[in-house]
PDB file of N, CA and C in Angstrom:
ATOM      1  N   UNK A   1      37.980  63.115 -23.129  1.00  0.00           N
ATOM      2  CA  UNK A   1      39.307  63.580 -23.477  1.00  0.00           C
ATOM      3  C   UNK A   1      39.907  62.756 -24.607  1.00  0.00           C
ATOM      4  N   UNK A   2      39.744  61.434 -24.515  1.00  0.00           N
ATOM      5  CA  UNK A   2      40.328  60.568 -25.531  1.00  0.00           C
ATOM      6  C   UNK A   2      39.684  60.791 -26.892  1.00  0.00           C
ATOM      7  N   UNK A   3      38.380  61.057 -26.901  1.00  0.00           N
ATOM      8  CA  UNK A   3      37.693  61.306 -28.170  1.00  0.00           C
ATOM      9  C   UNK A   3      38.241  62.559 -28.831  1.00  0.00           C
ATOM     10  N   UNK A   4      38.489  63.586 -28.053  1.00  0.00           N
ATOM     11  CA  UNK A   4      39.049  64.831 -28.605  1.00  0.00           C
ATOM     12  C   UNK A   4      40.459  64.579 -29.127  1.00  0.00           C
ATOM     13  N   UNK A   5      41.254  63.839 -28.375  1.00  0.00           N
ATOM     14  CA  UNK A   5      42.624  63.540 -28.818  1.00  0.00           C
ATOM     15  C   UNK A   5      42.610  62.747 -30.121  1.00  0.00           C
ATOM     16  N   UNK A   6      41.701  61.790 -30.227  1.00  0.00           N
ATOM     17  CA  UNK A   6      41.601  60.997 -31.455  1.00  0.00           C
ATOM     18  C   UNK A   6      41.185  61.881 -32.625  1.00  0.00           C
ATOM     19  N   UNK A   7      40.221  62.794 -32.390  1.00  0.00           N
ATOM     20  CA  UNK A   7      39.792  63.695 -33.467  1.00  0.00           C
ATOM     21  C   UNK A   7      40.942  64.560 -33.949  1.00  0.00           C
ATOM     22  N   UNK A   8      41.722  65.084 -33.018  1.00  0.00           N
ATOM     23  CA  UNK A   8      42.862  65.931 -33.401  1.00  0.00           C
ATOM     24  C   UNK A   8      43.900  65.111 -34.160  1.00  0.00           C
ATOM     25  N   UNK A   9      44.188  63.913 -33.695  1.00  0.00           N
ATOM     26  CA  UNK A   9      45.187  63.080 -34.374  1.00  0.00           C
ATOM     27  C   UNK A   9      44.715  62.702 -35.780  1.00  0.00           C
ATOM     28  N   UNK A  10      43.458  62.364 -35.932  1.00  0.00           N
ATOM     29  CA  UNK A  10      42.925  62.025 -37.258  1.00  0.00           C
ATOM     30  C   UNK A  10      43.003  63.233 -38.172  1.00  0.00           C
ATOM     31  N   UNK A  11      42.683  64.404 -37.644  1.00  0.00           N
ATOM     32  CA  UNK A  11      42.730  65.599 -38.489  1.00  0.00           C
ATOM     33  C   UNK A  11      44.154  65.930 -38.922  1.00  0.00           C
ATOM     34  N   UNK A  12      45.128  65.623 -38.085  1.00  0.00           N
ATOM     35  CA  UNK A  12      46.528  65.892 -38.444  1.00  0.00           C
ATOM     36  C   UNK A  12      47.006  64.906 -39.509  1.00  0.00           C
ATOM     37  N   UNK A  13      46.642  63.644 -39.351  1.00  0.00           N
ATOM     38  CA  UNK A  13      47.125  62.592 -40.248  1.00  0.00           C
ATOM     39  C   UNK A  13      46.341  62.549 -41.556  1.00  0.00           C
ATOM     40  N   UNK A  14      45.037  62.744 -41.499  1.00  0.00           N
ATOM     41  CA  UNK A  14      44.182  62.492 -42.654  1.00  0.00           C
ATOM     42  C   UNK A  14      44.104  63.649 -43.643  1.00  0.00           C
ATOM     43  N   UNK A  15      44.526  64.821 -43.267  1.00  0.00           N
ATOM     44  CA  UNK A  15      44.367  65.974 -44.164  1.00  0.00           C
ATOM     45  C   UNK A  15      45.720  66.571 -44.519  1.00  0.00           C
ATOM     46  N   UNK A  16      45.685  67.322 -45.602  1.00  0.00           N
ATOM     47  CA  UNK A  16      46.939  67.894 -46.098  1.00  0.00           C
ATOM     48  C   UNK A  16      47.052  69.392 -45.846  1.00  0.00           C
ATOM     49  N   UNK A  17      45.913  70.080 -45.745  1.00  0.00           N
ATOM     50  CA  UNK A  17      45.964  71.525 -45.549  1.00  0.00           C
ATOM     51  C   UNK A  17      45.301  71.907 -44.234  1.00  0.00           C
ATOM     52  N   UNK A  18      45.611  73.099 -43.780  1.00  0.00           N
ATOM     53  CA  UNK A  18      45.022  73.606 -42.541  1.00  0.00           C
ATOM     54  C   UNK A  18      43.515  73.777 -42.680  1.00  0.00           C
ATOM     55  N   UNK A  19      43.055  74.221 -43.850  1.00  0.00           N
ATOM     56  CA  UNK A  19      41.617  74.393 -44.074  1.00  0.00           C
ATOM     57  C   UNK A  19      40.878  73.063 -43.984  1.00  0.00           C
ATOM     58  N   UNK A  20      41.471  72.003 -44.536  1.00  0.00           N
ATOM     59  CA  UNK A  20      40.844  70.681 -44.446  1.00  0.00           C
ATOM     60  C   UNK A  20      40.787  70.204 -43.000  1.00  0.00           C
ATOM     61  N   UNK A  21      41.842  70.473 -42.234  1.00  0.00           N
ATOM     62  CA  UNK A  21      41.870  70.075 -40.822  1.00  0.00           C
ATOM     63  C   UNK A  21      40.791  70.814 -40.031  1.00  0.00           C
ATOM     64  N   UNK A  22      40.653  72.102 -40.285  1.00  0.00           N
ATOM     65  CA  UNK A  22      39.627  72.896 -39.601  1.00  0.00           C
ATOM     66  C   UNK A  22      38.244  72.389 -39.970  1.00  0.00           C
ATOM     67  N   UNK A  23      38.034  72.090 -41.229  1.00  0.00           N
ATOM     68  CA  UNK A  23      36.738  71.579 -41.682  1.00  0.00           C
ATOM     69  C   UNK A  23      36.423  70.224 -41.050  1.00  0.00           C
ATOM     70  N   UNK A  24      37.415  69.345 -41.002  1.00  0.00           N
ATOM     71  CA  UNK A  24      37.216  68.020 -40.408  1.00  0.00           C
ATOM     72  C   UNK A  24      36.924  68.135 -38.914  1.00  0.00           C
ATOM     73  N   UNK A  25      37.703  68.932 -38.202  1.00  0.00           N
ATOM     74  CA  UNK A  25      37.463  69.104 -36.773  1.00  0.00           C
ATOM     75  C   UNK A  25      36.111  69.759 -36.516  1.00  0.00           C
ATOM     76  N   UNK A  26      35.736  70.709 -37.353  1.00  0.00           N
ATOM     77  CA  UNK A  26      34.422  71.340 -37.218  1.00  0.00           C
ATOM     78  C   UNK A  26      33.304  70.341 -37.395  1.00  0.00           C
ATOM     79  N   UNK A  27      33.433  69.482 -38.396  1.00  0.00           N
ATOM     80  CA  UNK A  27      32.413  68.457 -38.649  1.00  0.00           C
ATOM     81  C   UNK A  27      32.328  67.471 -37.492  1.00  0.00           C
ATOM     82  N   UNK A  28      33.470  67.031 -36.991  1.00  0.00           N
ATOM     83  CA  UNK A  28      33.483  66.119 -35.848  1.00  0.00           C
ATOM     84  C   UNK A  28      32.910  66.786 -34.602  1.00  0.00           C
ATOM     85  N   UNK A  29      33.196  68.053 -34.428  1.00  0.00           N
ATOM     86  CA  UNK A  29      32.627  68.803 -33.306  1.00  0.00           C
ATOM     87  C   UNK A  29      31.123  68.927 -33.412  1.00  0.00           C
ATOM     88  N   UNK A  30      30.631  69.169 -34.625  1.00  0.00           N
ATOM     89  CA  UNK A  30      29.190  69.258 -34.856  1.00  0.00           C
ATOM     90  C   UNK A  30      28.517  67.941 -34.477  1.00  0.00           C
ATOM     91  N   UNK A  31      29.082  66.834 -34.923  1.00  0.00           N
ATOM     92  CA  UNK A  31      28.505  65.527 -34.600  1.00  0.00           C
ATOM     93  C   UNK A  31      28.523  65.263 -33.098  1.00  0.00           C
ATOM     94  N   UNK A  32      29.600  65.636 -32.443  1.00  0.00           N
ATOM     95  CA  UNK A  32      29.716  65.428 -30.997  1.00  0.00           C
ATOM     96  C   UNK A  32      28.668  66.230 -30.236  1.00  0.00           C
ATOM     97  N   UNK A  33      28.480  67.481 -30.623  1.00  0.00           N
ATOM     98  CA  UNK A  33      27.503  68.339 -29.944  1.00  0.00           C
ATOM     99  C   UNK A  33      26.086  67.825 -30.172  1.00  0.00           C
ATOM    100  N   UNK A  34      25.788  67.371 -31.383  1.00  0.00           N
ATOM    101  CA  UNK A  34      24.451  66.825 -31.660  1.00  0.00           C
ATOM    102  C   UNK A  34      24.172  65.596 -30.807  1.00  0.00           C
ATOM    103  N   UNK A  35      25.156  64.728 -30.655  1.00  0.00           N
ATOM    104  CA  UNK A  35      24.984  63.544 -29.801  1.00  0.00           C
ATOM    105  C   UNK A  35      24.785  63.975 -28.348  1.00  0.00           C
ATOM    106  N   UNK A  36      25.537  64.967 -27.906  1.00  0.00           N
ATOM    107  CA  UNK A  36      25.411  65.464 -26.541  1.00  0.00           C
ATOM    108  C   UNK A  36      24.009  65.989 -26.272  1.00  0.00           C
ATOM    109  N   UNK A  37      23.486  66.802 -27.180  1.00  0.00           N
ATOM    110  CA  UNK A  37      22.162  67.370 -26.981  1.00  0.00           C
ATOM    111  C   UNK A  37      21.062  66.319 -27.106  1.00  0.00           C
ATOM    112  N   UNK A  38      21.267  65.316 -27.932  1.00  0.00           N
ATOM    113  CA  UNK A  38      20.225  64.309 -28.164  1.00  0.00           C
ATOM    114  C   UNK A  38      20.214  63.210 -27.108  1.00  0.00           C
ATOM    115  N   UNK A  39      21.281  63.061 -26.358  1.00  0.00           N
ATOM    116  CA  UNK A  39      21.368  61.943 -25.416  1.00  0.00           C
ATOM    117  C   UNK A  39      20.235  61.883 -24.389  1.00  0.00           C
ATOM    118  N   UNK A  40      19.734  62.994 -23.840  1.00  0.00           N
ATOM    119  CA  UNK A  40      18.613  62.871 -22.898  1.00  0.00           C
ATOM    120  C   UNK A  40      17.330  62.352 -23.549  1.00  0.00           C
ATOM    121  N   UNK A  41      17.238  62.432 -24.858  1.00  0.00           N
ATOM    122  CA  UNK A  41      16.012  61.995 -25.534  1.00  0.00           C
ATOM    123  C   UNK A  41      15.950  60.488 -25.717  1.00  0.00           C
ATOM    124  N   UNK A  42      16.964  59.776 -25.235  1.00  0.00           N
ATOM    125  CA  UNK A  42      16.939  58.318 -25.295  1.00  0.00           C
ATOM    126  C   UNK A  42      15.734  57.788 -24.521  1.00  0.00           C
ATOM    127  N   UNK A  43      15.352  58.505 -23.487  1.00  0.00           N
ATOM    128  CA  UNK A  43      14.226  58.062 -22.653  1.00  0.00           C
ATOM    129  C   UNK A  43      12.877  58.570 -23.164  1.00  0.00           C
ATOM    130  N   UNK A  44      12.867  59.197 -24.329  1.00  0.00           N
ATOM    131  CA  UNK A  44      11.634  59.792 -24.849  1.00  0.00           C
ATOM    132  C   UNK A  44      10.521  58.759 -25.000  1.00  0.00           C
ATOM    133  N   UNK A  45      10.836  57.576 -25.476  1.00  0.00           N
ATOM    134  CA  UNK A  45       9.810  56.541 -25.630  1.00  0.00           C
ATOM    135  C   UNK A  45       9.208  56.178 -24.277  1.00  0.00           C
ATOM    136  N   UNK A  46      10.048  56.088 -23.240  1.00  0.00           N
ATOM    137  CA  UNK A  46       9.547  55.788 -21.899  1.00  0.00           C
ATOM    138  C   UNK A  46       8.657  56.916 -21.370  1.00  0.00           C
ATOM    139  N   UNK A  47       9.058  58.151 -21.639  1.00  0.00           N
ATOM    140  CA  UNK A  47       8.256  59.297 -21.195  1.00  0.00           C
ATOM    141  C   UNK A  47       6.891  59.274 -21.879  1.00  0.00           C
ATOM    142  N   UNK A  48       6.877  59.025 -23.176  1.00  0.00           N
ATOM    143  CA  UNK A  48       5.606  58.983 -23.907  1.00  0.00           C
ATOM    144  C   UNK A  48       4.746  57.809 -23.470  1.00  0.00           C
ATOM    145  N   UNK A  49       5.363  56.672 -23.209  1.00  0.00           N
ATOM    146  CA  UNK A  49       4.620  55.473 -22.808  1.00  0.00           C
ATOM    147  C   UNK A  49       4.033  55.623 -21.402  1.00  0.00           C
ATOM    148  N   UNK A  50       4.838  56.126 -20.475  1.00  0.00           N
ATOM    149  CA  UNK A  50       4.393  56.246 -19.084  1.00  0.00           C
ATOM    150  C   UNK A  50       3.667  57.564 -18.806  1.00  0.00           C
ATOM    151  N   UNK A  51       3.746  58.498 -19.757  1.00  0.00           N
ATOM    152  CA  UNK A  51       3.169  59.838 -19.578  1.00  0.00           C
ATOM    153  C   UNK A  51       3.694  60.497 -18.303  1.00  0.00           C
ATOM    154  N   UNK A  52       4.993  60.332 -18.093  1.00  0.00           N
ATOM    155  CA  UNK A  52       5.653  60.855 -16.916  1.00  0.00           C
ATOM    156  C   UNK A  52       7.070  61.253 -17.313  1.00  0.00           C
ATOM    157  N   UNK A  53       7.430  62.504 -17.097  1.00  0.00           N
ATOM    158  CA  UNK A  53       8.744  62.999 -17.521  1.00  0.00           C
ATOM    159  C   UNK A  53       9.778  62.952 -16.407  1.00  0.00           C
ATOM    160  N   UNK A  54       9.549  62.148 -15.384  1.00  0.00           N
ATOM    161  CA  UNK A  54      10.481  62.076 -14.260  1.00  0.00           C
ATOM    162  C   UNK A  54      11.894  61.687 -14.713  1.00  0.00           C
ATOM    163  N   UNK A  55      12.023  60.934 -15.792  1.00  0.00           N
ATOM    164  CA  UNK A  55      13.339  60.491 -16.272  1.00  0.00           C
ATOM    165  C   UNK A  55      14.146  61.619 -16.914  1.00  0.00           C
ATOM    166  N   UNK A  56      13.494  62.715 -17.282  1.00  0.00           N
ATOM    167  CA  UNK A  56      14.199  63.854 -17.863  1.00  0.00           C
ATOM    168  C   UNK A  56      14.573  64.841 -16.761  1.00  0.00           C
ATOM    169  N   UNK A  57      15.799  65.310 -16.788  1.00  0.00           N
ATOM    170  CA  UNK A  57      16.265  66.274 -15.795  1.00  0.00           C
ATOM    171  C   UNK A  57      15.789  67.672 -16.173  1.00  0.00           C
ATOM    172  N   UNK A  58      14.977  68.264 -15.305  1.00  0.00           N
ATOM    173  CA  UNK A  58      14.478  69.617 -15.573  1.00  0.00           C
ATOM    174  C   UNK A  58      15.597  70.651 -15.614  1.00  0.00           C
ATOM    175  N   UNK A  59      16.499  70.677 -14.631  1.00  0.00           N
ATOM    176  CA  UNK A  59      17.587  71.669 -14.699  1.00  0.00           C
ATOM    177  C   UNK A  59      18.478  71.490 -15.929  1.00  0.00           C
ATOM    178  N   UNK A  60      18.805  70.243 -16.256  1.00  0.00           N
ATOM    179  CA  UNK A  60      19.643  69.992 -17.426  1.00  0.00           C
ATOM    180  C   UNK A  60      18.946  70.445 -18.706  1.00  0.00           C
ATOM    181  N   UNK A  61      17.668  70.178 -18.821  1.00  0.00           N
ATOM    182  CA  UNK A  61      16.922  70.584 -20.010  1.00  0.00           C
ATOM    183  C   UNK A  61      16.861  72.103 -20.130  1.00  0.00           C
ATOM    184  N   UNK A  62      16.610  72.783 -19.012  1.00  0.00           N
ATOM    185  CA  UNK A  62      16.537  74.246 -19.029  1.00  0.00           C
ATOM    186  C   UNK A  62      17.892  74.861 -19.368  1.00  0.00           C
ATOM    187  N   UNK A  63      18.950  74.342 -18.765  1.00  0.00           N
ATOM    188  CA  UNK A  63      20.281  74.880 -19.045  1.00  0.00           C
ATOM    189  C   UNK A  63      20.747  74.545 -20.460  1.00  0.00           C
ATOM    190  N   UNK A  64      20.358  73.385 -20.968  1.00  0.00           N
ATOM    191  CA  UNK A  64      20.680  73.041 -22.360  1.00  0.00           C
ATOM    192  C   UNK A  64      20.010  74.028 -23.311  1.00  0.00           C
ATOM    193  N   UNK A  65      18.769  74.386 -23.003  1.00  0.00           N
ATOM    194  CA  UNK A  65      18.048  75.356 -23.829  1.00  0.00           C
ATOM    195  C   UNK A  65      18.762  76.707 -23.822  1.00  0.00           C
ATOM    196  N   UNK A  66      19.116  77.186 -22.624  1.00  0.00           N
ATOM    197  CA  UNK A  66      19.786  78.488 -22.510  1.00  0.00           C
ATOM    198  C   UNK A  66      21.137  78.469 -23.217  1.00  0.00           C
ATOM    199  N   UNK A  67      21.896  77.412 -23.012  1.00  0.00           N
ATOM    200  CA  UNK A  67      23.220  77.285 -23.638  1.00  0.00           C
ATOM    201  C   UNK A  67      23.097  77.244 -25.161  1.00  0.00           C
ATOM    202  N   UNK A  68      22.196  76.404 -25.655  1.00  0.00           N
ATOM    203  CA  UNK A  68      22.030  76.267 -27.107  1.00  0.00           C
ATOM    204  C   UNK A  68      21.538  77.575 -27.722  1.00  0.00           C
ATOM    205  N   UNK A  69      20.625  78.251 -27.037  1.00  0.00           N
ATOM    206  CA  UNK A  69      20.131  79.538 -27.542  1.00  0.00           C
ATOM    207  C   UNK A  69      21.262  80.553 -27.622  1.00  0.00           C
ATOM    208  N   UNK A  70      22.065  80.628 -26.571  1.00  0.00           N
ATOM    209  CA  UNK A  70      23.179  81.584 -26.543  1.00  0.00           C
ATOM    210  C   UNK A  70      24.176  81.323 -27.669  1.00  0.00           C
ATOM    211  N   UNK A  71      24.583  80.063 -27.836  1.00  0.00           N
ATOM    212  CA  UNK A  71      25.559  79.731 -28.867  1.00  0.00           C
ATOM    213  C   UNK A  71      24.970  79.867 -30.272  1.00  0.00           C
ATOM    214  N   UNK A  72      23.682  79.601 -30.421  1.00  0.00           N
ATOM    215  CA  UNK A  72      23.053  79.782 -31.733  1.00  0.00           C
ATOM    216  C   UNK A  72      23.070  81.249 -32.132  1.00  0.00           C
ATOM    217  N   UNK A  73      22.697  82.119 -31.206  1.00  0.00           N
ATOM    218  CA  UNK A  73      22.712  83.562 -31.490  1.00  0.00           C
ATOM    219  C   UNK A  73      24.135  84.025 -31.790  1.00  0.00           C
ATOM    220  N   UNK A  74      25.088  83.593 -30.975  1.00  0.00           N
ATOM    221  CA  UNK A  74      26.489  83.973 -31.190  1.00  0.00           C
ATOM    222  C   UNK A  74      26.987  83.481 -32.553  1.00  0.00           C
ATOM    223  N   UNK A  75      26.683  82.241 -32.891  1.00  0.00           N
ATOM    224  CA  UNK A  75      27.093  81.698 -34.182  1.00  0.00           C
ATOM    225  C   UNK A  75      26.467  82.437 -35.347  1.00  0.00           C
ATOM    226  N   UNK A  76      25.204  82.831 -35.187  1.00  0.00           N
ATOM    227  CA  UNK A  76      24.544  83.612 -36.248  1.00  0.00           C
ATOM    228  C   UNK A  76      25.204  84.980 -36.400  1.00  0.00           C
ATOM    229  N   UNK A  77      25.563  85.594 -35.289  1.00  0.00           N
ATOM    230  CA  UNK A  77      26.233  86.896 -35.355  1.00  0.00           C
ATOM    231  C   UNK A  77      27.576  86.804 -36.074  1.00  0.00           C
ATOM    232  N   UNK A  78      28.264  85.674 -35.892  1.00  0.00           N
ATOM    233  CA  UNK A  78      29.555  85.466 -36.561  1.00  0.00           C
ATOM    234  C   UNK A  78      29.411  84.854 -37.952  1.00  0.00           C
ATOM    235  N   UNK A  79      28.194  84.424 -38.293  1.00  0.00           N
ATOM    236  CA  UNK A  79      27.930  83.697 -39.541  1.00  0.00           C
ATOM    237  C   UNK A  79      28.808  82.455 -39.641  1.00  0.00           C
ATOM    238  N   UNK A  80      28.932  81.735 -38.532  1.00  0.00           N
ATOM    239  CA  UNK A  80      29.763  80.534 -38.473  1.00  0.00           C
ATOM    240  C   UNK A  80      28.858  79.316 -38.313  1.00  0.00           C
ATOM    241  N   UNK A  81      28.730  78.552 -39.397  1.00  0.00           N
ATOM    242  CA  UNK A  81      27.834  77.401 -39.391  1.00  0.00           C
ATOM    243  C   UNK A  81      28.288  76.336 -38.406  1.00  0.00           C
ATOM    244  N   UNK A  82      29.579  76.252 -38.123  1.00  0.00           N
ATOM    245  CA  UNK A  82      30.076  75.266 -37.170  1.00  0.00           C
ATOM    246  C   UNK A  82      29.652  75.606 -35.739  1.00  0.00           C
ATOM    247  N   UNK A  83      29.282  76.844 -35.502  1.00  0.00           N
ATOM    248  CA  UNK A  83      28.781  77.227 -34.182  1.00  0.00           C
ATOM    249  C   UNK A  83      27.255  77.192 -34.154  1.00  0.00           C
ATOM    250  N   UNK A  84      26.618  77.887 -35.093  1.00  0.00           N
ATOM    251  CA  UNK A  84      25.152  77.959 -35.003  1.00  0.00           C
ATOM    252  C   UNK A  84      24.462  76.677 -35.445  1.00  0.00           C
ATOM    253  N   UNK A  85      25.066  75.904 -36.332  1.00  0.00           N
ATOM    254  CA  UNK A  85      24.421  74.695 -36.846  1.00  0.00           C
ATOM    255  C   UNK A  85      24.098  73.669 -35.776  1.00  0.00           C
ATOM    256  N   UNK A  86      25.104  73.151 -35.074  1.00  0.00           N
ATOM    257  CA  UNK A  86      24.801  72.132 -34.068  1.00  0.00           C
ATOM    258  C   UNK A  86      24.013  72.684 -32.890  1.00  0.00           C
ATOM    259  N   UNK A  87      24.226  73.954 -32.584  1.00  0.00           N
ATOM    260  CA  UNK A  87      23.501  74.530 -31.460  1.00  0.00           C
ATOM    261  C   UNK A  87      22.046  74.812 -31.812  1.00  0.00           C
ATOM    262  N   UNK A  88      21.749  75.060 -33.086  1.00  0.00           N
ATOM    263  CA  UNK A  88      20.347  75.177 -33.509  1.00  0.00           C
ATOM    264  C   UNK A  88      19.658  73.824 -33.376  1.00  0.00           C
ATOM    265  N   UNK A  89      20.363  72.757 -33.728  1.00  0.00           N
ATOM    266  CA  UNK A  89      19.821  71.406 -33.526  1.00  0.00           C
ATOM    267  C   UNK A  89      19.605  71.165 -32.037  1.00  0.00           C
ATOM    268  N   UNK A  90      20.593  71.524 -31.232  1.00  0.00           N
ATOM    269  CA  UNK A  90      20.472  71.382 -29.780  1.00  0.00           C
ATOM    270  C   UNK A  90      19.334  72.199 -29.213  1.00  0.00           C
ATOM    271  N   UNK A  91      19.110  73.372 -29.774  1.00  0.00           N
ATOM    272  CA  UNK A  91      18.002  74.219 -29.342  1.00  0.00           C
ATOM    273  C   UNK A  91      16.668  73.528 -29.604  1.00  0.00           C
ATOM    274  N   UNK A  92      16.533  72.948 -30.789  1.00  0.00           N
ATOM    275  CA  UNK A  92      15.293  72.235 -31.117  1.00  0.00           C
ATOM    276  C   UNK A  92      15.099  71.021 -30.210  1.00  0.00           C
ATOM    277  N   UNK A  93      16.172  70.269 -29.960  1.00  0.00           N
ATOM    278  CA  UNK A  93      16.073  69.102 -29.095  1.00  0.00           C
ATOM    279  C   UNK A  93      15.759  69.507 -27.653  1.00  0.00           C
ATOM    280  N   UNK A  94      16.300  70.632 -27.210  1.00  0.00           N
ATOM    281  CA  UNK A  94      15.990  71.126 -25.873  1.00  0.00           C
ATOM    282  C   UNK A  94      14.529  71.543 -25.766  1.00  0.00           C
ATOM    283  N   UNK A  95      14.001  72.128 -26.835  1.00  0.00           N
ATOM    284  CA  UNK A  95      12.578  72.493 -26.850  1.00  0.00           C
ATOM    285  C   UNK A  95      11.718  71.239 -26.747  1.00  0.00           C
ATOM    286  N   UNK A  96      12.116  70.169 -27.435  1.00  0.00           N
ATOM    287  CA  UNK A  96      11.381  68.902 -27.342  1.00  0.00           C
ATOM    288  C   UNK A  96      11.404  68.394 -25.903  1.00  0.00           C
ATOM    289  N   UNK A  97      12.572  68.434 -25.271  1.00  0.00           N
ATOM    290  CA  UNK A  97      12.683  67.977 -23.882  1.00  0.00           C
ATOM    291  C   UNK A  97      11.794  68.801 -22.959  1.00  0.00           C
ATOM    292  N   UNK A  98      11.872  70.134 -23.088  1.00  0.00           N
ATOM    293  CA  UNK A  98      11.069  71.001 -22.231  1.00  0.00           C
ATOM    294  C   UNK A  98       9.576  70.813 -22.502  1.00  0.00           C
ATOM    295  N   UNK A  99       9.225  70.565 -23.750  1.00  0.00           N
ATOM    296  CA  UNK A  99       7.819  70.313 -24.086  1.00  0.00           C
ATOM    297  C   UNK A  99       7.325  69.036 -23.425  1.00  0.00           C
ATOM    298  N   UNK A 100       8.140  67.989 -23.474  1.00  0.00           N
ATOM    299  CA  UNK A 100       7.753  66.742 -22.806  1.00  0.00           C
ATOM    300  C   UNK A 100       7.600  66.944 -21.303  1.00  0.00           C
ATOM    301  N   UNK A 101       8.460  67.743 -20.716  1.00  0.00           N
ATOM    302  CA  UNK A 101       8.374  68.020 -19.279  1.00  0.00           C
ATOM    303  C   UNK A 101       7.091  68.776 -18.958  1.00  0.00           C
ATOM    304  N   UNK A 102       6.701  69.720 -19.821  1.00  0.00           N
ATOM    305  CA  UNK A 102       5.470  70.484 -19.569  1.00  0.00           C
ATOM    306  C   UNK A 102       4.214  69.661 -19.860  1.00  0.00           C
ATOM    307  N   UNK A 103       4.251  68.834 -20.896  1.00  0.00           N
ATOM    308  CA  UNK A 103       3.078  68.030 -21.257  1.00  0.00           C
ATOM    309  C   UNK A 103       2.865  66.891 -20.270  1.00  0.00           C
ATOM    310  N   UNK A 104       3.951  66.236 -19.867  1.00  0.00           N
ATOM    311  CA  UNK A 104       3.878  65.076 -18.973  1.00  0.00           C
ATOM    312  C   UNK A 104       4.668  65.358 -17.691  1.00  0.00           C
ATOM    313  N   UNK A 105       4.162  66.218 -16.828  1.00  0.00           N
ATOM    314  CA  UNK A 105       4.907  66.479 -15.585  1.00  0.00           C
ATOM    315  C   UNK A 105       4.917  65.244 -14.712  1.00  0.00           C
ATOM    316  N   UNK A 106       5.955  65.143 -13.910  1.00  0.00           N
ATOM    317  CA  UNK A 106       6.038  64.021 -12.977  1.00  0.00           C
ATOM    318  C   UNK A 106       5.014  64.191 -11.871  1.00  0.00           C
ATOM    319  N   UNK A 107       4.831  63.166 -11.065  1.00  0.00           N
ATOM    320  CA  UNK A 107       3.870  63.268  -9.973  1.00  0.00           C
ATOM    321  C   UNK A 107       4.294  64.339  -8.984  1.00  0.00           C
ATOM    322  N   UNK A 108       3.320  65.023  -8.414  1.00  0.00           N
ATOM    323  CA  UNK A 108       3.628  66.073  -7.439  1.00  0.00           C
ATOM    324  C   UNK A 108       4.088  65.435  -6.135  1.00  0.00           C
ATOM    325  N   UNK A 109       4.666  66.254  -5.298  1.00  0.00           N
ATOM    326  CA  UNK A 109       5.157  65.756  -4.011  1.00  0.00           C
ATOM    327  C   UNK A 109       3.996  65.226  -3.167  1.00  0.00           C
ATOM    328  N   UNK A 110       2.837  65.875  -3.256  1.00  0.00           N
ATOM    329  CA  UNK A 110       1.677  65.422  -2.477  1.00  0.00           C
ATOM    330  C   UNK A 110       1.182  64.052  -2.964  1.00  0.00           C
ATOM    331  N   UNK A 111       1.210  63.845  -4.260  1.00  0.00           N
ATOM    332  CA  UNK A 111       0.732  62.586  -4.812  1.00  0.00           C
ATOM    333  C   UNK A 111       1.673  61.434  -4.505  1.00  0.00           C
ATOM    334  N   UNK A 112       2.970  61.741  -4.378  1.00  0.00           N
ATOM    335  CA  UNK A 112       3.942  60.687  -4.121  1.00  0.00           C
ATOM    336  C   UNK A 112       4.104  60.389  -2.640  1.00  0.00           C
ATOM    337  N   UNK A 113       3.476  61.217  -1.788  1.00  0.00           N
ATOM    338  CA  UNK A 113       3.535  60.960  -0.352  1.00  0.00           C
ATOM    339  C   UNK A 113       4.765  61.484   0.328  1.00  0.00           C
ATOM    340  N   UNK A 114       5.518  62.377  -0.318  1.00  0.00           N
ATOM    341  CA  UNK A 114       6.698  62.953   0.317  1.00  0.00           C
ATOM    342  C   UNK A 114       6.479  64.392   0.662  1.00  0.00           C
TER     343      UNK A 114
END
């Protein structure tokens, strides 16, 4: 919440026209969404090293893919780069996450003894 409030306050103070404010908020929103989608990939080195994707959330990765795909298509239909741009990046990052999950599945329940 505080990050959004700061972005709005900066856009009000730092710009002179409504178009500049919209552009600034759009850019800040794009950066925020890219960080959001990329955050699960912080553990990518651990997944590659251990060859185990247990650290990646399967439901979160699947829902991120669906969400990013939906918003990318919607943004393309509107021809709005502020919508399709960050979500296309998120779509690619979600594909990377899902690929790591498929390539390096976690141990099965039988192997772990549960």
